[in-house]
Amino acid sequence: IQEVEAKLINWCADSFSELGKCGDFGADKCRKYSEGKNKRRSKCTCTDFNGTFFCDCKLCL
């Protein structure tokens, strides 16, 4: 289950990184955390709003 969640977070962060929108911390920083760099897990949350996925990376600390 953890592996699936990690893939979902990666997909979410990457998809919004392409748009250049990832909370207040920037796409690059959120992508680094989603990839497990800096030995931290991504704190991005992926939500489904009427079929559209949004990635909120405001918790990437």
N, C-alpha and C. Protein backbone atom coordinates (compact mmCIF):
# COMPACT_ATOMS: atom_id res chain seq x y z
N ILE A 1 0.84 -1.20 0.00
CA ILE A 1 0.00 0.00 0.00
C ILE A 1 0.87 1.25 0.00
N GLN A 2 1.94 1.24 0.77
CA GLN A 2 2.83 2.40 0.83
C GLN A 2 3.45 2.69 -0.53
N GLU A 3 3.81 1.63 -1.25
CA GLU A 3 4.42 1.81 -2.57
C GLU A 3 3.44 2.45 -3.53
N VAL A 4 2.19 2.02 -3.48
CA VAL A 4 1.16 2.59 -4.35
C VAL A 4 0.96 4.06 -4.03
N GLU A 5 0.92 4.38 -2.74
CA GLU A 5 0.75 5.77 -2.33
C GLU A 5 1.92 6.61 -2.81
N ALA A 6 3.12 6.07 -2.72
CA ALA A 6 4.30 6.80 -3.16
C ALA A 6 4.21 7.11 -4.66
N LYS A 7 3.75 6.13 -5.44
CA LYS A 7 3.62 6.34 -6.88
C LYS A 7 2.58 7.40 -7.18
N LEU A 8 1.50 7.41 -6.40
CA LEU A 8 0.45 8.41 -6.60
C LEU A 8 1.00 9.80 -6.31
N ILE A 9 1.78 9.92 -5.24
CA ILE A 9 2.38 11.20 -4.89
C ILE A 9 3.34 11.64 -5.99
N ASN A 10 4.15 10.69 -6.48
CA ASN A 10 5.08 11.03 -7.55
C ASN A 10 4.34 11.53 -8.78
N TRP A 11 3.30 10.81 -9.15
CA TRP A 11 2.54 11.20 -10.34
C TRP A 11 1.95 12.58 -10.14
N CYS A 12 1.44 12.83 -8.95
CA CYS A 12 0.79 14.10 -8.67
C CYS A 12 1.81 15.23 -8.74
N ALA A 13 2.93 15.06 -8.10
CA ALA A 13 3.94 16.12 -8.08
C ALA A 13 4.49 16.37 -9.48
N ASP A 14 4.74 15.29 -10.21
CA ASP A 14 5.31 15.44 -11.55
C ASP A 14 4.33 16.12 -12.49
N SER A 15 3.06 15.75 -12.38
CA SER A 15 2.08 16.31 -13.30
C SER A 15 1.96 17.82 -13.09
N PHE A 16 2.03 18.25 -11.84
CA PHE A 16 1.92 19.67 -11.59
C PHE A 16 3.25 20.38 -11.77
N SER A 17 4.35 19.62 -11.69
CA SER A 17 5.65 20.22 -11.98
C SER A 17 5.69 20.66 -13.44
N GLU A 18 5.05 19.88 -14.31
CA GLU A 18 5.04 20.23 -15.72
C GLU A 18 4.30 21.55 -15.94
N LEU A 19 3.30 21.79 -15.09
CA LEU A 19 2.54 23.02 -15.20
C LEU A 19 3.20 24.17 -14.45
N GLY A 20 4.23 23.83 -13.69
CA GLY A 20 4.92 24.85 -12.92
C GLY A 20 4.12 25.31 -11.72
N LYS A 21 3.18 24.51 -11.28
CA LYS A 21 2.37 24.89 -10.13
C LYS A 21 2.43 23.78 -9.09
N CYS A 22 2.96 24.11 -7.94
CA CYS A 22 3.03 23.10 -6.89
C CYS A 22 3.06 23.79 -5.54
N GLY A 23 1.98 24.39 -5.17
CA GLY A 23 1.91 25.05 -3.88
C GLY A 23 2.81 26.28 -3.84
N ASP A 24 3.26 26.64 -2.65
CA ASP A 24 4.06 27.85 -2.48
C ASP A 24 5.55 27.55 -2.52
N PHE A 25 5.93 26.28 -2.63
CA PHE A 25 7.33 25.92 -2.53
C PHE A 25 7.99 25.67 -3.88
N GLY A 26 7.20 25.63 -4.94
CA GLY A 26 7.78 25.43 -6.26
C GLY A 26 7.81 23.98 -6.67
N ALA A 27 7.75 23.76 -7.97
CA ALA A 27 7.68 22.40 -8.50
C ALA A 27 8.95 21.61 -8.23
N ASP A 28 10.11 22.25 -8.41
CA ASP A 28 11.37 21.53 -8.27
C ASP A 28 11.53 20.96 -6.87
N LYS A 29 11.22 21.77 -5.87
CA LYS A 29 11.40 21.32 -4.49
C LYS A 29 10.45 20.18 -4.18
N CYS A 30 9.22 20.30 -4.62
CA CYS A 30 8.25 19.23 -4.35
C CYS A 30 8.63 17.96 -5.08
N ARG A 31 9.16 18.09 -6.28
CA ARG A 31 9.58 16.89 -7.02
C ARG A 31 10.71 16.19 -6.28
N LYS A 32 11.64 16.96 -5.74
CA LYS A 32 12.76 16.36 -5.01
C LYS A 32 12.25 15.54 -3.83
N TYR A 33 11.29 16.10 -3.10
CA TYR A 33 10.77 15.36 -1.95
C TYR A 33 9.98 14.14 -2.41
N SER A 34 9.25 14.26 -3.50
CA SER A 34 8.45 13.13 -3.97
C SER A 34 9.35 11.99 -4.44
N GLU A 35 10.56 12.33 -4.88
CA GLU A 35 11.50 11.30 -5.33
C GLU A 35 12.31 10.74 -4.17
N GLY A 36 12.06 11.23 -2.97
CA GLY A 36 12.73 10.69 -1.81
C GLY A 36 14.10 11.29 -1.57
N LYS A 37 14.42 12.40 -2.23
CA LYS A 37 15.71 13.03 -2.00
C LYS A 37 15.70 13.71 -0.64
N ASN A 38 16.90 14.02 -0.13
CA ASN A 38 17.04 14.66 1.17
C ASN A 38 16.48 13.79 2.29
N LYS A 39 16.30 12.50 1.97
CA LYS A 39 15.84 11.52 2.95
C LYS A 39 14.54 11.95 3.62
N ARG A 40 13.65 12.55 2.85
CA ARG A 40 12.35 12.91 3.38
C ARG A 40 11.27 12.46 2.41
N ARG A 41 10.09 12.22 2.97
CA ARG A 41 8.97 11.86 2.11
C ARG A 41 8.23 13.11 1.68
N SER A 42 7.60 13.00 0.55
CA SER A 42 6.79 14.11 0.07
C SER A 42 5.63 14.34 1.01
N LYS A 43 5.35 15.62 1.26
CA LYS A 43 4.18 15.97 2.07
C LYS A 43 3.08 16.52 1.17
N CYS A 44 3.21 16.26 -0.12
CA CYS A 44 2.20 16.73 -1.06
C CYS A 44 0.93 15.90 -0.89
N THR A 45 -0.21 16.54 -1.03
CA THR A 45 -1.47 15.83 -0.98
C THR A 45 -2.15 15.94 -2.33
N CYS A 46 -2.67 14.83 -2.81
CA CYS A 46 -3.32 14.80 -4.11
C CYS A 46 -4.82 14.65 -3.90
N THR A 47 -5.58 15.60 -4.41
CA THR A 47 -7.03 15.56 -4.24
C THR A 47 -7.72 15.56 -5.59
N ASP A 48 -8.87 14.91 -5.63
CA ASP A 48 -9.65 14.81 -6.86
C ASP A 48 -10.84 15.74 -6.75
N PHE A 49 -10.89 16.76 -7.58
CA PHE A 49 -11.98 17.73 -7.54
C PHE A 49 -12.74 17.64 -8.85
N ASN A 50 -13.89 16.99 -8.80
CA ASN A 50 -14.72 16.82 -10.00
C ASN A 50 -13.94 16.21 -11.16
N GLY A 51 -13.13 15.20 -10.85
CA GLY A 51 -12.39 14.50 -11.89
C GLY A 51 -11.06 15.13 -12.25
N THR A 52 -10.76 16.29 -11.67
CA THR A 52 -9.48 16.95 -11.94
C THR A 52 -8.59 16.81 -10.72
N PHE A 53 -7.36 16.34 -10.93
CA PHE A 53 -6.45 16.14 -9.81
C PHE A 53 -5.67 17.41 -9.52
N PHE A 54 -5.60 17.74 -8.25
CA PHE A 54 -4.81 18.88 -7.82
C PHE A 54 -3.76 18.42 -6.82
N CYS A 55 -2.58 18.96 -6.94
CA CYS A 55 -1.50 18.60 -6.02
C CYS A 55 -1.21 19.79 -5.12
N ASP A 56 -1.43 19.60 -3.84
CA ASP A 56 -1.16 20.66 -2.87
C ASP A 56 0.14 20.35 -2.16
N CYS A 57 1.17 21.10 -2.46
CA CYS A 57 2.50 20.83 -1.90
C CYS A 57 2.86 21.84 -0.82
N LYS A 58 1.88 22.46 -0.22
CA LYS A 58 2.16 23.45 0.81
C LYS A 58 2.80 22.83 2.05
N LEU A 59 2.70 21.50 2.16
CA LEU A 59 3.28 20.84 3.32
C LEU A 59 4.65 20.26 3.03
N CYS A 60 5.24 20.61 1.90
CA CYS A 60 6.61 20.16 1.61
C CYS A 60 7.56 21.01 2.44
N LEU A 61 8.06 20.46 3.54
CA LEU A 61 8.93 21.22 4.43
C LEU A 61 10.35 20.66 4.40
